[in-house]
Amino acid sequence: LIASSGATIGGSMAATFTAGVGVISGTGTLVSAGGALVAGAIGGAMGSVASQAFGMAAGIQDSFSWRSVATAAIGGGISAGVANMAATAQAGSMAAMFKDNVVARAVLSNVAAQGVNKLAGLQPSFDWRGVAASAAGAGAGQAMGQVLGGDNVLAKLMADNKLAQATTVGFVAGTTAAIARGGKIDVARIATDAFGNA
């Protein structure tokens, strides 16, 4: 069986989602950059733990990987930091170009997370295919989120089920990222990560 290779992508999505929910549901004040990094890292780590626990219980993962938790925490912290930077950017600043561009935020987050993972010895080399996969996954996830927020049968079916919505978005994003990355597409692993990070 496999170890949780999708935890970094899943953790990053979970952290971005968590940071976005905090901004949307808050009192209008944005979390500090440090707070966003910490919240994102915790969200990424928790998403990895949940998806791995589910994968082990379902028999699709042999053992728990602390390395996957670490990479998910790094990716989650960086993703939340990038989302916070974009949300608080001054109009006309370089950071403002990331405000409404989820694909650009995914690329920046992935490049930064890979750099930190490489420096920490958690990743042997830089993976450009991973950058492209994160961009594709983010775009597909955003598109599915828009579908679920629209006026259609699928949106009405999941209207009051945030877990189903988040799992569906994560599954679409994860599948798209896996296709973009190439190689074997493990639907069970993608579903496990999507559910664990929802």
N, C-alpha and C. Protein backbone atom coordinates (compact mmCIF):
# COMPACT_ATOMS: atom_id res chain seq x y z
N LEU A 1 0.84 -1.19 0.00
CA LEU A 1 0.00 0.00 0.00
C LEU A 1 0.87 1.25 0.00
N ILE A 2 0.26 2.40 0.17
CA ILE A 2 1.00 3.64 -0.01
C ILE A 2 1.06 4.45 1.27
N ALA A 3 2.02 5.34 1.34
CA ALA A 3 2.06 6.34 2.41
C ALA A 3 1.32 7.56 1.90
N SER A 4 1.11 8.52 2.77
CA SER A 4 0.28 9.67 2.41
C SER A 4 1.04 10.68 1.58
N SER A 5 1.18 10.42 0.29
CA SER A 5 1.90 11.35 -0.59
C SER A 5 1.06 12.56 -0.91
N GLY A 6 -0.25 12.48 -0.73
CA GLY A 6 -1.12 13.61 -1.05
C GLY A 6 -1.33 14.55 0.11
N ALA A 7 -0.69 14.28 1.24
CA ALA A 7 -0.96 15.08 2.43
C ALA A 7 -0.56 16.54 2.28
N THR A 8 0.51 16.82 1.53
CA THR A 8 0.93 18.21 1.37
C THR A 8 -0.12 19.00 0.61
N ILE A 9 -0.60 18.46 -0.48
CA ILE A 9 -1.64 19.15 -1.24
C ILE A 9 -2.89 19.28 -0.40
N GLY A 10 -3.29 18.17 0.24
CA GLY A 10 -4.49 18.21 1.05
C GLY A 10 -4.36 19.17 2.21
N GLY A 11 -3.20 19.14 2.88
CA GLY A 11 -2.98 20.06 4.00
C GLY A 11 -3.02 21.50 3.57
N SER A 12 -2.45 21.79 2.43
CA SER A 12 -2.47 23.16 1.92
C SER A 12 -3.89 23.61 1.63
N MET A 13 -4.68 22.73 1.02
CA MET A 13 -6.07 23.09 0.73
C MET A 13 -6.84 23.32 2.02
N ALA A 14 -6.61 22.45 3.00
CA ALA A 14 -7.31 22.59 4.26
C ALA A 14 -6.94 23.89 4.96
N ALA A 15 -5.66 24.22 4.94
CA ALA A 15 -5.22 25.45 5.59
C ALA A 15 -5.78 26.67 4.90
N THR A 16 -5.79 26.66 3.59
CA THR A 16 -6.34 27.79 2.85
C THR A 16 -7.82 27.93 3.15
N PHE A 17 -8.54 26.79 3.18
CA PHE A 17 -9.96 26.80 3.49
C PHE A 17 -10.19 27.33 4.90
N THR A 18 -9.39 26.84 5.86
CA THR A 18 -9.53 27.27 7.25
C THR A 18 -9.28 28.76 7.39
N ALA A 19 -8.24 29.26 6.75
CA ALA A 19 -7.93 30.69 6.82
C ALA A 19 -9.04 31.50 6.18
N GLY A 20 -9.57 31.02 5.06
CA GLY A 20 -10.66 31.74 4.39
C GLY A 20 -11.91 31.79 5.23
N VAL A 21 -12.25 30.68 5.89
CA VAL A 21 -13.43 30.66 6.74
C VAL A 21 -13.25 31.61 7.90
N GLY A 22 -12.04 31.66 8.47
CA GLY A 22 -11.78 32.57 9.58
C GLY A 22 -11.96 34.02 9.18
N VAL A 23 -11.54 34.37 7.98
CA VAL A 23 -11.70 35.73 7.50
C VAL A 23 -13.16 36.04 7.22
N ILE A 24 -13.87 35.09 6.58
CA ILE A 24 -15.26 35.32 6.22
C ILE A 24 -16.15 35.39 7.45
N SER A 25 -15.94 34.48 8.42
CA SER A 25 -16.85 34.42 9.55
C SER A 25 -16.44 35.30 10.72
N GLY A 26 -15.32 35.98 10.62
CA GLY A 26 -14.84 36.83 11.71
C GLY A 26 -15.61 38.13 11.81
N THR A 27 -15.11 39.00 12.68
CA THR A 27 -15.79 40.26 12.92
C THR A 27 -15.33 41.34 11.96
N GLY A 28 -14.61 40.96 10.96
CA GLY A 28 -14.12 41.94 9.99
C GLY A 28 -12.66 42.26 10.18
N THR A 29 -12.08 41.82 11.28
CA THR A 29 -10.65 42.03 11.47
C THR A 29 -9.92 40.79 10.99
N LEU A 30 -8.80 40.99 10.35
CA LEU A 30 -8.05 39.87 9.80
C LEU A 30 -7.03 39.36 10.81
N VAL A 31 -6.78 38.10 10.73
CA VAL A 31 -5.81 37.45 11.60
C VAL A 31 -4.43 37.99 11.26
N SER A 32 -3.57 38.14 12.26
CA SER A 32 -2.21 38.59 11.99
C SER A 32 -1.50 37.55 11.14
N ALA A 33 -0.44 37.97 10.47
CA ALA A 33 0.31 37.06 9.61
C ALA A 33 0.83 35.86 10.41
N GLY A 34 1.36 36.12 11.60
CA GLY A 34 1.85 35.03 12.45
C GLY A 34 0.74 34.09 12.87
N GLY A 35 -0.41 34.67 13.22
CA GLY A 35 -1.56 33.85 13.60
C GLY A 35 -2.05 33.00 12.45
N ALA A 36 -2.03 33.57 11.24
CA ALA A 36 -2.45 32.81 10.06
C ALA A 36 -1.50 31.66 9.80
N LEU A 37 -0.19 31.90 9.93
CA LEU A 37 0.80 30.83 9.73
C LEU A 37 0.59 29.69 10.72
N VAL A 38 0.39 30.04 11.99
CA VAL A 38 0.20 29.02 13.02
C VAL A 38 -1.10 28.26 12.79
N ALA A 39 -2.18 28.99 12.52
CA ALA A 39 -3.48 28.34 12.28
C ALA A 39 -3.40 27.42 11.05
N GLY A 40 -2.75 27.89 10.01
CA GLY A 40 -2.59 27.08 8.81
C GLY A 40 -1.76 25.84 9.05
N ALA A 41 -0.68 25.98 9.81
CA ALA A 41 0.17 24.83 10.12
C ALA A 41 -0.60 23.79 10.94
N ILE A 42 -1.36 24.27 11.91
CA ILE A 42 -2.17 23.35 12.72
C ILE A 42 -3.23 22.68 11.85
N GLY A 43 -3.89 23.46 11.01
CA GLY A 43 -4.91 22.89 10.11
C GLY A 43 -4.32 21.86 9.16
N GLY A 44 -3.15 22.16 8.60
CA GLY A 44 -2.49 21.21 7.70
C GLY A 44 -2.10 19.93 8.41
N ALA A 45 -1.54 20.06 9.61
CA ALA A 45 -1.14 18.88 10.38
C ALA A 45 -2.36 18.05 10.76
N MET A 46 -3.41 18.71 11.23
CA MET A 46 -4.63 17.99 11.63
C MET A 46 -5.27 17.30 10.42
N GLY A 47 -5.26 17.96 9.27
CA GLY A 47 -5.80 17.34 8.06
C GLY A 47 -5.02 16.10 7.68
N SER A 48 -3.70 16.16 7.81
CA SER A 48 -2.86 15.01 7.51
C SER A 48 -3.13 13.87 8.48
N VAL A 49 -3.22 14.19 9.76
CA VAL A 49 -3.49 13.17 10.77
C VAL A 49 -4.85 12.51 10.50
N ALA A 50 -5.87 13.33 10.22
CA ALA A 50 -7.21 12.78 9.97
C ALA A 50 -7.24 11.91 8.72
N SER A 51 -6.62 12.38 7.64
CA SER A 51 -6.67 11.60 6.40
C SER A 51 -5.85 10.31 6.54
N GLN A 52 -4.73 10.37 7.25
CA GLN A 52 -3.94 9.15 7.45
C GLN A 52 -4.66 8.16 8.36
N ALA A 53 -5.30 8.67 9.40
CA ALA A 53 -6.06 7.78 10.30
C ALA A 53 -7.18 7.09 9.54
N PHE A 54 -7.88 7.85 8.72
CA PHE A 54 -8.95 7.27 7.91
C PHE A 54 -8.37 6.26 6.91
N GLY A 55 -7.25 6.59 6.28
CA GLY A 55 -6.61 5.69 5.33
C GLY A 55 -6.17 4.39 5.97
N MET A 56 -5.63 4.47 7.18
CA MET A 56 -5.21 3.27 7.89
C MET A 56 -6.42 2.43 8.30
N ALA A 57 -7.48 3.09 8.77
CA ALA A 57 -8.69 2.37 9.17
C ALA A 57 -9.35 1.70 7.97
N ALA A 58 -9.27 2.35 6.80
CA ALA A 58 -9.88 1.80 5.59
C ALA A 58 -8.97 0.78 4.90
N GLY A 59 -7.75 0.62 5.40
CA GLY A 59 -6.84 -0.36 4.83
C GLY A 59 -6.13 0.08 3.56
N ILE A 60 -6.10 1.38 3.28
CA ILE A 60 -5.42 1.85 2.07
C ILE A 60 -4.08 2.51 2.38
N GLN A 61 -3.71 2.53 3.66
CA GLN A 61 -2.40 3.05 4.06
C GLN A 61 -1.85 2.13 5.13
N ASP A 62 -0.60 1.71 4.98
CA ASP A 62 0.01 0.75 5.91
C ASP A 62 0.36 1.35 7.26
N SER A 63 1.00 2.51 7.26
CA SER A 63 1.50 3.05 8.52
C SER A 63 1.39 4.57 8.54
N PHE A 64 1.47 5.10 9.75
CA PHE A 64 1.38 6.55 9.94
C PHE A 64 2.71 7.20 9.58
N SER A 65 2.66 8.36 8.91
CA SER A 65 3.87 9.05 8.48
C SER A 65 3.96 10.44 9.13
N TRP A 66 4.90 10.57 10.06
CA TRP A 66 5.12 11.88 10.68
C TRP A 66 5.72 12.86 9.67
N ARG A 67 6.44 12.34 8.69
CA ARG A 67 7.00 13.18 7.63
C ARG A 67 5.85 13.85 6.86
N SER A 68 4.79 13.10 6.58
CA SER A 68 3.63 13.67 5.89
C SER A 68 2.95 14.74 6.74
N VAL A 69 2.90 14.52 8.05
CA VAL A 69 2.33 15.53 8.95
C VAL A 69 3.17 16.79 8.90
N ALA A 70 4.49 16.63 8.93
CA ALA A 70 5.40 17.79 8.90
C ALA A 70 5.26 18.56 7.59
N THR A 71 5.24 17.85 6.46
CA THR A 71 5.12 18.55 5.18
C THR A 71 3.75 19.22 5.04
N ALA A 72 2.71 18.58 5.57
CA ALA A 72 1.37 19.19 5.52
C ALA A 72 1.32 20.44 6.40
N ALA A 73 1.97 20.39 7.55
CA ALA A 73 2.01 21.56 8.43
C ALA A 73 2.75 22.72 7.77
N ILE A 74 3.88 22.42 7.14
CA ILE A 74 4.64 23.45 6.44
C ILE A 74 3.81 24.03 5.30
N GLY A 75 3.23 23.16 4.49
CA GLY A 75 2.39 23.63 3.38
C GLY A 75 1.19 24.40 3.85
N GLY A 76 0.56 23.93 4.92
CA GLY A 76 -0.61 24.62 5.47
C GLY A 76 -0.27 26.00 6.01
N GLY A 77 0.84 26.09 6.74
CA GLY A 77 1.27 27.38 7.29
C GLY A 77 1.59 28.37 6.19
N ILE A 78 2.32 27.91 5.19
CA ILE A 78 2.69 28.80 4.08
C ILE A 78 1.45 29.22 3.29
N SER A 79 0.55 28.28 3.01
CA SER A 79 -0.67 28.60 2.27
C SER A 79 -1.52 29.63 3.01
N ALA A 80 -1.66 29.45 4.32
CA ALA A 80 -2.43 30.41 5.11
C ALA A 80 -1.73 31.76 5.16
N GLY A 81 -0.41 31.75 5.24
CA GLY A 81 0.34 33.01 5.23
C GLY A 81 0.17 33.75 3.91
N VAL A 82 0.23 33.00 2.79
CA VAL A 82 0.03 33.62 1.48
C VAL A 82 -1.40 34.16 1.36
N ALA A 83 -2.38 33.38 1.84
CA ALA A 83 -3.77 33.84 1.78
C ALA A 83 -3.95 35.11 2.62
N ASN A 84 -3.32 35.16 3.79
CA ASN A 84 -3.40 36.35 4.64
C ASN A 84 -2.73 37.54 3.98
N MET A 85 -1.57 37.30 3.35
CA MET A 85 -0.86 38.37 2.65
C MET A 85 -1.75 38.95 1.54
N ALA A 86 -2.41 38.05 0.79
CA ALA A 86 -3.27 38.50 -0.31
C ALA A 86 -4.47 39.27 0.22
N ALA A 87 -5.05 38.78 1.32
CA ALA A 87 -6.26 39.42 1.88
C ALA A 87 -5.97 40.80 2.44
N THR A 88 -4.75 41.00 2.93
CA THR A 88 -4.42 42.28 3.56
C THR A 88 -3.60 43.20 2.66
N ALA A 89 -3.43 42.80 1.39
CA ALA A 89 -2.57 43.57 0.48
C ALA A 89 -3.18 44.93 0.16
N GLN A 90 -2.32 45.93 0.08
CA GLN A 90 -2.72 47.27 -0.33
C GLN A 90 -2.96 47.29 -1.83
N ALA A 91 -3.98 47.99 -2.26
CA ALA A 91 -4.25 48.12 -3.69
C ALA A 91 -3.02 48.66 -4.40
N GLY A 92 -2.66 48.07 -5.52
CA GLY A 92 -1.51 48.51 -6.29
C GLY A 92 -0.20 47.86 -5.88
N SER A 93 -0.19 47.13 -4.76
CA SER A 93 1.05 46.47 -4.33
C SER A 93 1.24 45.17 -5.10
N MET A 94 2.46 44.65 -5.07
CA MET A 94 2.73 43.40 -5.76
C MET A 94 1.88 42.28 -5.16
N ALA A 95 1.67 42.29 -3.85
CA ALA A 95 0.88 41.24 -3.19
C ALA A 95 -0.58 41.27 -3.63
N ALA A 96 -1.06 42.43 -4.08
CA ALA A 96 -2.47 42.56 -4.46
C ALA A 96 -2.83 41.68 -5.65
N MET A 97 -1.83 41.30 -6.47
CA MET A 97 -2.14 40.45 -7.63
C MET A 97 -2.57 39.04 -7.20
N PHE A 98 -2.32 38.68 -5.95
CA PHE A 98 -2.72 37.36 -5.45
C PHE A 98 -4.10 37.38 -4.80
N LYS A 99 -4.68 38.56 -4.62
CA LYS A 99 -5.92 38.68 -3.85
C LYS A 99 -7.05 37.82 -4.39
N ASP A 100 -7.34 37.90 -5.65
CA ASP A 100 -8.45 37.16 -6.24
C ASP A 100 -8.00 36.04 -7.16
N ASN A 101 -6.74 35.66 -7.07
CA ASN A 101 -6.19 34.66 -7.98
C ASN A 101 -5.74 33.42 -7.20
N VAL A 102 -6.66 32.48 -7.04
CA VAL A 102 -6.37 31.28 -6.25
C VAL A 102 -5.26 30.44 -6.88
N VAL A 103 -5.15 30.43 -8.20
CA VAL A 103 -4.11 29.66 -8.88
C VAL A 103 -2.73 30.26 -8.57
N ALA A 104 -2.61 31.58 -8.65
CA ALA A 104 -1.34 32.23 -8.34
C ALA A 104 -0.94 31.99 -6.88
N ARG A 105 -1.92 32.03 -5.97
CA ARG A 105 -1.63 31.75 -4.56
C ARG A 105 -1.16 30.31 -4.38
N ALA A 106 -1.78 29.37 -5.12
CA ALA A 106 -1.37 27.97 -5.02
C ALA A 106 0.05 27.77 -5.51
N VAL A 107 0.40 28.42 -6.61
CA VAL A 107 1.76 28.31 -7.16
C VAL A 107 2.77 28.88 -6.17
N LEU A 108 2.51 30.09 -5.67
CA LEU A 108 3.42 30.71 -4.71
C LEU A 108 3.56 29.85 -3.46
N SER A 109 2.44 29.35 -2.95
CA SER A 109 2.47 28.50 -1.75
C SER A 109 3.25 27.23 -1.99
N ASN A 110 3.05 26.60 -3.14
CA ASN A 110 3.73 25.35 -3.44
C ASN A 110 5.23 25.55 -3.58
N VAL A 111 5.63 26.60 -4.29
CA VAL A 111 7.05 26.89 -4.47
C VAL A 111 7.71 27.15 -3.11
N ALA A 112 7.07 27.97 -2.28
CA ALA A 112 7.63 28.28 -0.96
C ALA A 112 7.68 27.04 -0.07
N ALA A 113 6.60 26.24 -0.07
CA ALA A 113 6.58 25.04 0.76
C ALA A 113 7.64 24.04 0.31
N GLN A 114 7.81 23.88 -0.99
CA GLN A 114 8.85 22.97 -1.47
C GLN A 114 10.23 23.45 -1.06
N GLY A 115 10.44 24.77 -1.11
CA GLY A 115 11.73 25.32 -0.69
C GLY A 115 12.01 25.04 0.77
N VAL A 116 11.02 25.25 1.63
CA VAL A 116 11.19 24.98 3.06
C VAL A 116 11.38 23.48 3.30
N ASN A 117 10.57 22.65 2.63
CA ASN A 117 10.70 21.20 2.78
C ASN A 117 12.09 20.72 2.35
N LYS A 118 12.61 21.31 1.28
CA LYS A 118 13.95 20.94 0.79
C LYS A 118 15.02 21.33 1.81
N LEU A 119 14.91 22.55 2.35
CA LEU A 119 15.87 23.02 3.37
C LEU A 119 15.80 22.17 4.63
N ALA A 120 14.58 21.70 4.97
CA ALA A 120 14.40 20.89 6.19
C ALA A 120 14.75 19.42 5.97
N GLY A 121 15.12 19.06 4.75
CA GLY A 121 15.47 17.68 4.46
C GLY A 121 14.27 16.76 4.29
N LEU A 122 13.09 17.34 4.11
CA LEU A 122 11.87 16.53 3.95
C LEU A 122 11.57 16.22 2.48
N GLN A 123 12.32 16.85 1.57
CA GLN A 123 12.10 16.66 0.14
C GLN A 123 13.46 16.68 -0.55
N PRO A 124 13.77 15.65 -1.38
CA PRO A 124 15.11 15.57 -1.96
C PRO A 124 15.38 16.60 -3.06
N SER A 125 14.39 16.94 -3.86
CA SER A 125 14.61 17.88 -4.96
C SER A 125 13.34 18.66 -5.26
N PHE A 126 13.50 19.75 -6.00
CA PHE A 126 12.36 20.59 -6.35
C PHE A 126 11.54 19.88 -7.42
N ASP A 127 10.21 19.96 -7.32
CA ASP A 127 9.30 19.25 -8.20
C ASP A 127 8.43 20.23 -8.98
N TRP A 128 8.85 20.56 -10.21
CA TRP A 128 8.08 21.50 -11.03
C TRP A 128 6.72 20.92 -11.41
N ARG A 129 6.66 19.60 -11.55
CA ARG A 129 5.38 18.97 -11.85
C ARG A 129 4.40 19.19 -10.69
N GLY A 130 4.92 19.20 -9.47
CA GLY A 130 4.10 19.48 -8.29
C GLY A 130 3.54 20.90 -8.31
N VAL A 131 4.35 21.84 -8.80
CA VAL A 131 3.88 23.23 -8.92
C VAL A 131 2.71 23.30 -9.90
N ALA A 132 2.89 22.67 -11.07
CA ALA A 132 1.83 22.66 -12.08
C ALA A 132 0.58 21.96 -11.55
N ALA A 133 0.78 20.87 -10.82
CA ALA A 133 -0.35 20.13 -10.26
C ALA A 133 -1.11 20.96 -9.24
N SER A 134 -0.38 21.73 -8.42
CA SER A 134 -1.06 22.57 -7.42
C SER A 134 -1.89 23.66 -8.10
N ALA A 135 -1.36 24.21 -9.19
CA ALA A 135 -2.11 25.23 -9.94
C ALA A 135 -3.37 24.63 -10.55
N ALA A 136 -3.23 23.46 -11.17
CA ALA A 136 -4.39 22.80 -11.78
C ALA A 136 -5.43 22.43 -10.72
N GLY A 137 -4.98 21.88 -9.61
CA GLY A 137 -5.88 21.49 -8.54
C GLY A 137 -6.61 22.68 -7.94
N ALA A 138 -5.89 23.78 -7.73
CA ALA A 138 -6.52 24.98 -7.17
C ALA A 138 -7.58 25.53 -8.12
N GLY A 139 -7.27 25.57 -9.40
CA GLY A 139 -8.25 26.06 -10.38
C GLY A 139 -9.49 25.19 -10.43
N ALA A 140 -9.28 23.87 -10.42
CA ALA A 140 -10.42 22.95 -10.46
C ALA A 140 -11.24 23.02 -9.18
N GLY A 141 -10.56 23.13 -8.04
CA GLY A 141 -11.27 23.26 -6.77
C GLY A 141 -12.10 24.53 -6.70
N GLN A 142 -11.53 25.63 -7.20
CA GLN A 142 -12.27 26.89 -7.22
C GLN A 142 -13.49 26.78 -8.13
N ALA A 143 -13.32 26.15 -9.29
CA ALA A 143 -14.44 25.98 -10.22
C ALA A 143 -15.55 25.14 -9.59
N MET A 144 -15.18 24.06 -8.90
CA MET A 144 -16.18 23.22 -8.24
C MET A 144 -16.86 23.99 -7.11
N GLY A 145 -16.10 24.81 -6.39
CA GLY A 145 -16.70 25.64 -5.34
C GLY A 145 -17.74 26.59 -5.91
N GLN A 146 -17.45 27.13 -7.08
CA GLN A 146 -18.42 28.03 -7.74
C GLN A 146 -19.66 27.26 -8.17
N VAL A 147 -19.47 26.04 -8.66
CA VAL A 147 -20.62 25.20 -9.03
C VAL A 147 -21.49 24.94 -7.81
N LEU A 148 -20.86 24.58 -6.68
CA LEU A 148 -21.61 24.28 -5.46
C LEU A 148 -22.24 25.52 -4.85
N GLY A 149 -21.78 26.70 -5.23
CA GLY A 149 -22.37 27.94 -4.76
C GLY A 149 -23.43 28.49 -5.71
N GLY A 150 -23.66 27.79 -6.81
CA GLY A 150 -24.58 28.26 -7.84
C GLY A 150 -25.99 27.73 -7.67
N ASP A 151 -26.78 27.91 -8.72
CA ASP A 151 -28.17 27.48 -8.72
C ASP A 151 -28.29 26.28 -9.67
N ASN A 152 -27.99 25.08 -9.15
CA ASN A 152 -28.03 23.87 -9.95
C ASN A 152 -28.39 22.69 -9.06
N VAL A 153 -28.60 21.55 -9.66
CA VAL A 153 -29.03 20.37 -8.92
C VAL A 153 -28.00 19.95 -7.86
N LEU A 154 -26.72 19.92 -8.23
CA LEU A 154 -25.68 19.51 -7.30
C LEU A 154 -25.59 20.47 -6.11
N ALA A 155 -25.67 21.75 -6.39
CA ALA A 155 -25.62 22.75 -5.31
C ALA A 155 -26.80 22.59 -4.37
N LYS A 156 -27.98 22.33 -4.91
CA LYS A 156 -29.17 22.16 -4.08
C LYS A 156 -29.09 20.87 -3.28
N LEU A 157 -28.51 19.83 -3.87
CA LEU A 157 -28.37 18.55 -3.19
C LEU A 157 -27.46 18.67 -1.96
N MET A 158 -26.42 19.52 -2.06
CA MET A 158 -25.45 19.67 -0.97
C MET A 158 -25.60 20.99 -0.21
N ALA A 159 -26.70 21.67 -0.39
CA ALA A 159 -26.86 23.03 0.13
C ALA A 159 -26.56 23.17 1.62
N ASP A 160 -26.99 22.25 2.43
CA ASP A 160 -26.82 22.38 3.87
C ASP A 160 -25.77 21.44 4.44
N ASN A 161 -24.94 20.88 3.59
CA ASN A 161 -23.95 19.91 4.03
C ASN A 161 -22.54 20.41 3.71
N LYS A 162 -21.98 21.17 4.63
CA LYS A 162 -20.64 21.76 4.42
C LYS A 162 -19.56 20.68 4.29
N LEU A 163 -19.70 19.57 5.02
CA LEU A 163 -18.73 18.49 4.92
C LEU A 163 -18.73 17.90 3.51
N ALA A 164 -19.92 17.65 2.96
CA ALA A 164 -20.02 17.11 1.60
C ALA A 164 -19.46 18.09 0.58
N GLN A 165 -19.73 19.38 0.78
CA GLN A 165 -19.22 20.40 -0.14
C GLN A 165 -17.69 20.42 -0.11
N ALA A 166 -17.12 20.48 1.09
CA ALA A 166 -15.67 20.55 1.23
C ALA A 166 -15.00 19.27 0.71
N THR A 167 -15.62 18.12 0.96
CA THR A 167 -15.07 16.85 0.47
C THR A 167 -15.11 16.81 -1.06
N THR A 168 -16.21 17.28 -1.64
CA THR A 168 -16.34 17.29 -3.11
C THR A 168 -15.31 18.22 -3.74
N VAL A 169 -15.15 19.41 -3.19
CA VAL A 169 -14.15 20.35 -3.70
C VAL A 169 -12.76 19.73 -3.58
N GLY A 170 -12.46 19.13 -2.42
CA GLY A 170 -11.16 18.50 -2.22
C GLY A 170 -10.92 17.34 -3.16
N PHE A 171 -11.96 16.55 -3.43
CA PHE A 171 -11.83 15.41 -4.34
C PHE A 171 -11.57 15.88 -5.77
N VAL A 172 -12.29 16.90 -6.21
CA VAL A 172 -12.09 17.43 -7.57
C VAL A 172 -10.69 18.03 -7.69
N ALA A 173 -10.29 18.82 -6.69
CA ALA A 173 -8.96 19.44 -6.71
C ALA A 173 -7.87 18.36 -6.68
N GLY A 174 -8.02 17.37 -5.81
CA GLY A 174 -7.03 16.32 -5.68
C GLY A 174 -6.91 15.46 -6.93
N THR A 175 -8.05 15.14 -7.54
CA THR A 175 -8.04 14.35 -8.77
C THR A 175 -7.37 15.11 -9.90
N THR A 176 -7.71 16.38 -10.02
CA THR A 176 -7.10 17.21 -11.07
C THR A 176 -5.60 17.33 -10.86
N ALA A 177 -5.18 17.54 -9.61
CA ALA A 177 -3.75 17.63 -9.31
C ALA A 177 -3.04 16.32 -9.64
N ALA A 178 -3.67 15.19 -9.32
CA ALA A 178 -3.06 13.89 -9.61
C ALA A 178 -2.92 13.66 -11.11
N ILE A 179 -3.92 14.06 -11.87
CA ILE A 179 -3.85 13.93 -13.33
C ILE A 179 -2.73 14.81 -13.87
N ALA A 180 -2.63 16.04 -13.36
CA ALA A 180 -1.59 16.96 -13.82
C ALA A 180 -0.20 16.46 -13.45
N ARG A 181 -0.09 15.80 -12.31
CA ARG A 181 1.21 15.29 -11.86
C ARG A 181 1.64 14.11 -12.71
N GLY A 182 0.68 13.33 -13.20
CA GLY A 182 1.00 12.16 -14.02
C GLY A 182 1.22 10.94 -13.16
N GLY A 183 1.40 9.82 -13.80
CA GLY A 183 1.63 8.57 -13.07
C GLY A 183 0.32 7.98 -12.58
N LYS A 184 0.41 7.15 -11.56
CA LYS A 184 -0.75 6.44 -11.02
C LYS A 184 -1.69 7.40 -10.30
N ILE A 185 -2.96 7.27 -10.58
CA ILE A 185 -3.98 8.07 -9.90
C ILE A 185 -4.67 7.15 -8.91
N ASP A 186 -4.47 7.42 -7.62
CA ASP A 186 -5.03 6.59 -6.56
C ASP A 186 -6.29 7.25 -6.03
N VAL A 187 -7.43 6.84 -6.57
CA VAL A 187 -8.71 7.46 -6.23
C VAL A 187 -9.02 7.30 -4.74
N ALA A 188 -8.70 6.14 -4.17
CA ALA A 188 -8.96 5.92 -2.75
C ALA A 188 -8.16 6.89 -1.89
N ARG A 189 -6.90 7.12 -2.24
CA ARG A 189 -6.05 8.05 -1.48
C ARG A 189 -6.57 9.48 -1.61
N ILE A 190 -6.99 9.85 -2.83
CA ILE A 190 -7.53 11.20 -3.06
C ILE A 190 -8.80 11.39 -2.24
N ALA A 191 -9.68 10.41 -2.26
CA ALA A 191 -10.93 10.49 -1.49
C ALA A 191 -10.65 10.58 0.00
N THR A 192 -9.68 9.80 0.47
CA THR A 192 -9.30 9.83 1.89
C THR A 192 -8.77 11.21 2.29
N ASP A 193 -7.88 11.76 1.46
CA ASP A 193 -7.35 13.10 1.75
C ASP A 193 -8.45 14.16 1.69
N ALA A 194 -9.33 14.05 0.71
CA ALA A 194 -10.42 15.03 0.57
C ALA A 194 -11.32 15.00 1.80
N PHE A 195 -11.66 13.80 2.26
CA PHE A 195 -12.52 13.68 3.44
C PHE A 195 -11.79 14.12 4.70
N GLY A 196 -10.54 13.68 4.85
CA GLY A 196 -9.77 14.03 6.03
C GLY A 196 -9.50 15.51 6.17
N ASN A 197 -9.40 16.21 5.04
CA ASN A 197 -9.11 17.64 5.06
C ASN A 197 -10.36 18.52 4.95
N ALA A 198 -11.53 17.89 4.87
CA ALA A 198 -12.79 18.66 4.71
C ALA A 198 -13.15 19.41 5.96
